[in-house]
Every structure is written in structure tokens, then in C-alpha cells.
Protein backbone atom coordinates (compact mmCIF):
# COMPACT_ATOMS: atom_id res chain seq x y z
CA MET A 1 113.54 149.06 149.35
CA ARG A 2 110.92 147.85 146.92
CA ARG A 3 111.46 144.57 145.07
CA ARG A 4 110.61 146.11 141.70
CA ASP A 5 113.26 148.81 142.20
CA ALA A 6 115.78 146.13 143.13
CA ILE A 7 114.96 144.12 140.00
CA GLU A 8 115.28 147.26 137.86
CA ALA A 9 118.69 147.96 139.44
CA ILE A 10 120.08 144.60 138.22
CA TYR A 11 117.96 144.19 135.08
CA PRO A 12 120.80 145.08 132.63
CA GLU A 13 122.98 142.34 134.16
CA LEU A 14 120.22 139.75 133.79
CA GLU A 15 120.58 139.87 130.01
CA ARG A 16 123.82 137.87 130.24
CA SER A 17 122.46 135.29 132.69
CA VAL A 18 120.00 132.44 132.75
CA VAL A 19 117.26 133.59 135.13
CA VAL A 20 114.90 131.31 137.05
CA THR A 21 112.17 132.91 139.12
CA ILE A 22 109.19 132.00 141.20
CA MET A 23 105.73 133.05 140.05
CA GLY A 24 103.60 135.67 141.74
CA ALA A 25 104.88 139.17 142.44
CA VAL A 26 108.50 138.48 141.40
CA ALA A 27 107.49 137.18 137.97
CA ALA A 28 104.85 139.87 137.40
CA GLU A 29 107.31 142.64 138.26
CA LEU A 30 110.11 141.15 136.17
CA GLN A 31 107.79 140.75 133.17
CA SER A 32 106.48 144.29 133.56
CA ILE A 33 110.05 145.58 133.27
CA GLY A 34 110.57 143.46 130.16
CA HIS A 35 110.51 139.75 129.40
CA ARG A 36 113.53 138.10 127.80
CA PRO A 37 113.83 134.57 126.41
CA ASN A 38 116.47 133.74 129.05
CA PHE A 39 113.87 134.17 131.84
CA PHE A 40 112.08 131.07 133.14
CA TYR A 41 109.06 131.51 135.41
CA LEU A 42 108.22 128.50 137.59
CA GLN A 43 104.50 127.89 137.88
CA HIS A 44 103.01 125.63 140.58
CA ALA A 45 106.45 124.90 142.00
CA MET A 46 106.72 127.08 145.09
CA GLY A 47 110.03 126.46 146.77
CA LEU A 48 111.76 124.90 143.78
CA ALA A 49 113.36 127.87 141.99
CA SER A 50 116.72 127.24 143.65
CA SER A 51 116.51 123.53 142.79
CA VAL A 52 115.78 124.23 139.13
CA GLY A 53 118.52 126.86 139.08
CA LEU A 54 120.92 124.33 140.60
CA GLY A 55 120.16 121.80 137.87
CA ILE A 56 120.81 124.36 135.15
CA ALA A 57 123.97 125.63 136.84
CA LEU A 58 125.40 122.12 137.15
CA SER A 59 124.51 121.08 133.62
CA ARG A 60 125.65 124.35 132.05
CA PRO A 61 128.63 125.54 134.14
CA GLU A 62 129.69 127.98 131.43
CA LEU A 63 126.50 130.04 131.92
CA PRO A 64 125.88 132.46 134.80
CA VAL A 65 122.63 131.49 136.55
CA VAL A 66 120.53 133.84 138.68
CA VAL A 67 117.64 132.59 140.80
CA LEU A 68 115.10 135.21 141.92
CA ASP A 69 113.35 133.73 144.93
CA GLY A 70 111.16 134.84 147.81
CA ASP A 71 111.31 134.21 151.54
CA GLY A 72 108.09 132.19 151.60
CA SER A 73 109.23 130.09 148.69
CA LEU A 74 112.67 129.42 150.17
CA LEU A 75 111.14 128.51 153.53
CA MET A 76 109.11 125.80 151.78
CA ASN A 77 112.33 124.12 150.62
CA LEU A 78 115.03 124.90 153.18
CA GLY A 79 116.65 121.58 152.35
CA GLY A 80 117.45 123.08 148.96
CA LEU A 81 120.09 125.25 150.64
CA THR A 82 121.99 122.18 151.82
CA THR A 83 121.85 120.72 148.32
CA LEU A 84 123.10 124.01 146.83
CA ALA A 85 125.99 124.00 149.30
CA ARG A 86 126.79 120.33 148.68
CA TYR A 87 127.18 120.81 144.93
CA ARG A 88 128.41 124.44 145.18
CA PRO A 89 127.87 125.62 141.60
CA ARG A 90 130.23 128.55 141.22
CA ASN A 91 128.05 130.08 138.50
CA LEU A 92 124.89 130.52 140.61
CA VAL A 93 123.67 133.64 142.42
CA HIS A 94 120.58 133.00 144.56
CA VAL A 95 118.68 136.22 145.30
CA VAL A 96 115.99 135.97 147.97
CA PHE A 97 113.55 138.88 148.19
CA ASP A 98 112.48 138.83 151.83
CA ASN A 99 109.31 140.81 152.49
CA GLU A 100 108.49 138.76 155.59
CA SER A 101 105.22 137.61 154.08
CA LEU A 102 103.54 135.33 151.58
CA LEU A 103 102.44 138.41 149.66
CA SER A 104 101.27 136.63 146.50
CA VAL A 105 98.84 134.42 148.43
CA GLY A 106 97.34 136.87 150.91
CA GLY A 107 100.18 138.44 152.85
CA PHE A 108 100.44 135.93 155.68
CA PRO A 109 103.63 136.46 157.74
CA THR A 110 106.59 134.15 157.21
CA ALA A 111 109.14 133.01 159.80
CA THR A 112 111.40 135.91 158.83
CA SER A 113 108.84 138.29 160.35
CA THR A 114 109.65 136.79 163.77
CA GLY A 115 113.42 136.70 163.43
CA SER A 116 114.48 133.82 161.18
CA ASP A 117 117.60 134.91 159.30
CA LEU A 118 117.77 133.36 155.82
CA ALA A 119 121.37 134.42 155.15
CA ALA A 120 122.46 132.81 158.44
CA ILE A 121 120.52 129.66 157.57
CA ALA A 122 122.21 129.55 154.13
CA LYS A 123 125.62 130.05 155.76
CA GLY A 124 124.85 127.30 158.27
CA ALA A 125 123.86 125.02 155.40
CA GLY A 126 127.30 125.59 153.87
CA VAL A 127 126.66 128.25 151.24
CA PRO A 128 130.10 129.93 150.98
CA ARG A 129 128.96 133.50 150.29
CA THR A 130 125.92 135.03 151.99
CA ALA A 131 124.77 138.56 152.70
CA THR A 132 121.70 140.48 153.78
CA VAL A 133 121.09 143.95 152.36
CA ASP A 134 118.34 146.48 152.90
CA THR A 135 119.09 149.40 150.58
CA LEU A 136 119.09 149.63 146.82
CA GLU A 137 122.75 150.67 146.70
CA GLN A 138 123.79 147.76 148.93
CA PHE A 139 121.73 145.36 146.83
CA ARG A 140 123.18 146.39 143.48
CA GLY A 141 126.73 146.36 144.87
CA ALA A 142 126.30 142.96 146.52
CA PHE A 143 124.71 141.52 143.38
CA LEU A 144 127.54 142.73 141.13
CA ALA A 145 130.10 141.41 143.63
CA ALA A 146 128.33 138.04 143.69
CA GLN A 147 128.35 137.80 139.91
CA SER A 148 132.06 138.51 139.70
CA ALA A 149 133.03 136.34 142.72
CA GLY A 150 132.77 133.07 140.82
CA ASP A 151 131.25 131.22 143.77
CA LEU A 152 127.83 130.20 145.01
CA THR A 153 126.12 133.14 146.72
CA THR A 154 122.83 133.58 148.56
CA LEU A 155 121.90 137.26 148.71
CA VAL A 156 118.93 138.16 150.92
CA ALA A 157 117.35 141.49 150.00
CA LYS A 158 114.99 142.88 152.64
CA VAL A 159 112.12 144.46 150.71
CA GLU A 160 108.79 146.08 151.51
CA ALA A 161 105.69 143.89 151.48
CA VAL A 162 104.19 145.58 148.43
CA GLY A 163 103.61 144.15 145.02
CA PRO A 164 101.94 144.70 141.70
CA ALA A 165 98.22 145.30 141.33
CA GLY A 166 97.86 141.83 139.81
CA TYR A 167 99.92 138.68 139.54
CA VAL A 168 98.72 137.58 136.12
CA THR A 169 101.24 137.78 133.33
CA ASP A 170 100.56 137.96 129.63
CA LEU A 171 103.11 135.32 128.68
CA SER A 172 101.81 131.81 128.11
CA LEU A 173 103.66 129.50 130.47
CA LEU A 174 103.92 126.86 127.75
CA GLU A 175 105.46 129.42 125.39
CA ASN A 176 107.86 130.48 128.16
CA ARG A 177 109.00 126.87 128.53
CA TYR A 178 109.68 126.53 124.78
CA GLN A 179 111.37 129.96 124.55
CA PHE A 180 113.63 129.15 127.47
CA ALA A 181 114.59 125.73 126.10
CA ARG A 182 115.41 127.31 122.71
CA HIS A 183 117.51 129.95 124.45
CA LEU A 184 119.53 127.30 126.32
CA LYS A 185 120.03 125.31 123.12
CA GLU A 186 121.21 128.41 121.23
CA ARG A 187 123.80 129.05 123.94
CA LEU A 188 125.42 125.63 123.61
CA PRO A 189 129.21 125.88 123.35
CA LYS A 190 130.57 125.77 119.81
CA GLU A 191 132.47 122.57 119.02
């Protein structure tokens, strides 16, 4: 399965969620499908997408939060899984696109290329719902199930190590920050 196809398969559902993603291939592919003001792209923060998503999920429990992560990024902050499990935000779905490489920075292999199992690590850290999928149909089904489960989920999607021709996006990162903050403010509960 290709990551871009997987993102396209869940793209309609992302409209109703707050989405935090790493930079590189994930961000470039998501933006090429279509940017929305509820998408936040982390720059210079490899490994921290799940941590930022956790903060949003805890502070805004009424909003569904989706984190789009990568295996290399998650491996840089494995401790984040224990923190996710400790606080267990029931409104957070953590998607990890596992291509077994650091594709955006040269394609060096990650630990998953030699057998590390990110879903098992998440389960061992205490994440209540975990799964690994490797087909588009499995991915879409597991994602929809995770969104409706109402509990913290880490979903590992095994994807091919292919990406976009370039990783540069046309959205100013400063503008993205302001857009995203405005979006969160507009979605404050009515008193």
C-alpha cells in the first residue's frame, strides 16, 4: 500500500478532526491532496507529532484528534507512547505510516526493517487499542473503527518506501500556525 493512497482513503474523515502531522513526505502528500485549516504540520520537531496531538486531545476532549506519524519519527520518541497510554485521551487516533525507512532524509532503514513491531511496542506501553494493517481496505476499516471506538488507538499502516518528488510545500509554516490556531478557537464550545 502507498501512503498517499492511504491518506486519500481517509481524507473525507479528516475534515471533522484536528490533524497533526510530521513534515516531509506525509505533509507533502497530505497538502497535495488538499490543505485544510484543521491540519497542523510540525516543522523541525521530528518525533513530537504524538506529543502535540496528546496536548490538543487533552485540552480539547470534545474534538477528535488524528496524528499522522511515521516510523522514523515515532522511533525518535518512543517514550511518547507511554505518555499517551498514561493519559489515555479517548479522542485520539495515532496513525503511524511504517515504510521501514527515514524516507524524507535519505531512505536510511529504521528498526522496523529488522523486525521491531511498533503496534506491539504501543501495546506494551499501555495503549489500549493497537493494530497493524498492510492493505488499503484493512487500513480504511481499522481507521473508521478507531474513530468510532472512543478510545486511544495506535494504528500502524505498513506502506511502501516511496514518496513525492519533493518535500517542499507551498504553505507558509507561520501561516499554517495562525490558521490552525484560528480553527481551534472557532471550534470552542458555545457557552
